Amino acid sequence: MYVRKAIRAGGIPLYQGGDAWTYKYLLPLLRFEEVDKEAPRRVGDIVVFQPIGGRRYGHIALWSGKQWVSDFKQRSIIVHSDYRGEGCEYAIFRR
């Protein structure tokens, strides 16, 4: 919800909610492009994690220029141990 509000506050017409993982498909429709995971971060980059384990909604966060922020200030891009290791899919988008 907070990342969606930030996207709207940036002037991008985003009327759809949905689970975090659905933004992998929604962001390209809003002219966001997927960028290499190793690329230097830019303010406004968005990471979208797909569902894994007990995390059925996935996860989404925004790069503030200093840290990843979702509904809280994250310590790193990886917010939970379920998102480490094999089988965890995520993408980073930029506009």
Protein backbone atom coordinates (compact mmCIF):
# COMPACT_ATOMS: atom_id res chain seq x y z
CA MET A 1 0.00 0.00 0.00
CA TYR A 2 2.77 2.48 0.89
CA VAL A 3 4.75 1.86 -2.28
CA ARG A 4 1.56 2.25 -4.31
CA LYS A 5 0.93 5.59 -2.57
CA ALA A 6 4.49 6.69 -3.34
CA ILE A 7 4.06 5.81 -7.02
CA ARG A 8 0.86 7.87 -7.12
CA ALA A 9 2.52 10.75 -5.27
CA GLY A 10 5.17 10.75 -8.00
CA GLY A 11 2.47 11.62 -10.52
CA ILE A 12 1.98 8.17 -12.02
CA PRO A 13 -1.71 7.27 -12.38
CA LEU A 14 -1.94 4.01 -10.48
CA TYR A 15 -5.49 3.07 -9.58
CA GLN A 16 -5.03 -0.63 -9.04
CA GLY A 17 -4.03 -2.22 -5.79
CA GLY A 18 -3.35 -5.91 -5.71
CA ASP A 19 -0.79 -8.13 -4.13
CA ALA A 20 2.84 -7.03 -4.20
CA TRP A 21 3.89 -9.75 -6.67
CA THR A 22 1.43 -8.47 -9.32
CA TYR A 23 3.51 -5.31 -9.75
CA LYS A 24 5.96 -7.38 -11.79
CA TYR A 25 3.33 -7.26 -14.53
CA LEU A 26 1.76 -3.88 -13.72
CA LEU A 27 4.91 -1.72 -13.63
CA PRO A 28 5.89 -2.37 -17.28
CA LEU A 29 2.41 -1.15 -18.29
CA LEU A 30 3.29 2.12 -16.54
CA ARG A 31 6.53 2.47 -18.57
CA PHE A 32 8.83 1.04 -15.90
CA GLU A 33 11.66 -1.08 -17.28
CA GLU A 34 13.30 -4.03 -15.60
CA VAL A 35 16.95 -3.29 -14.81
CA ASP A 36 19.87 -5.54 -14.04
CA LYS A 37 20.00 -6.56 -10.39
CA GLU A 38 23.66 -5.56 -10.25
CA ALA A 39 23.10 -2.06 -11.67
CA PRO A 40 23.70 0.87 -9.32
CA ARG A 41 20.47 1.88 -7.59
CA ARG A 42 18.66 5.09 -8.41
CA VAL A 43 16.09 6.90 -6.29
CA GLY A 44 12.69 5.48 -7.18
CA ASP A 45 13.83 1.98 -8.15
CA ILE A 46 11.25 -0.62 -7.16
CA VAL A 47 11.99 -4.23 -6.22
CA VAL A 48 9.23 -6.81 -6.58
CA PHE A 49 9.56 -10.25 -4.96
CA GLN A 50 7.40 -13.12 -6.14
CA PRO A 51 5.58 -15.37 -3.65
CA ILE A 52 7.70 -18.03 -1.97
CA GLY A 53 7.17 -20.23 1.06
CA GLY A 54 4.60 -18.71 3.38
CA ARG A 55 4.93 -15.31 1.68
CA ARG A 56 1.95 -15.62 -0.66
CA TYR A 57 1.64 -11.89 -1.42
CA GLY A 58 5.27 -11.36 -2.37
CA HIS A 59 6.96 -8.13 -1.35
CA ILE A 60 7.56 -4.72 -2.89
CA ALA A 61 9.90 -1.92 -1.81
CA LEU A 62 11.18 1.41 -3.10
CA TRP A 63 14.79 2.67 -3.09
CA SER A 64 14.93 6.04 -1.29
CA GLY A 65 18.51 6.78 -2.22
CA LYS A 66 19.68 5.53 1.17
CA GLN A 67 17.67 2.38 1.86
CA TRP A 68 14.82 0.16 0.72
CA VAL A 69 11.46 1.24 2.11
CA SER A 70 8.18 -0.69 2.05
CA ASP A 71 5.75 -0.25 4.92
CA PHE A 72 8.89 0.18 7.04
CA LYS A 73 12.56 1.13 6.57
CA GLN A 74 14.36 -2.04 5.57
CA ARG A 75 17.92 -2.91 6.53
CA SER A 76 18.59 -4.44 3.09
CA ILE A 77 16.86 -5.48 -0.09
CA ILE A 78 16.19 -8.88 1.52
CA VAL A 79 13.48 -8.33 4.10
CA HIS A 80 12.97 -11.93 5.28
CA SER A 81 15.01 -15.13 5.20
CA ASP A 82 12.39 -16.71 2.88
CA TYR A 83 13.67 -14.35 0.18
CA ARG A 84 17.22 -15.71 0.34
CA GLY A 85 18.43 -18.66 -1.65
CA GLU A 86 17.23 -20.69 -4.57
CA GLY A 87 13.76 -20.37 -5.95
CA CYS A 88 13.38 -16.76 -4.85
CA GLU A 89 12.52 -14.59 -7.82
CA TYR A 90 12.66 -10.83 -7.81
CA ALA A 91 12.97 -8.03 -10.32
CA ILE A 92 14.00 -4.38 -10.08
CA PHE A 93 12.16 -1.75 -12.09
CA ARG A 94 12.99 1.83 -13.00
CA ARG A 95 11.15 4.61 -14.80
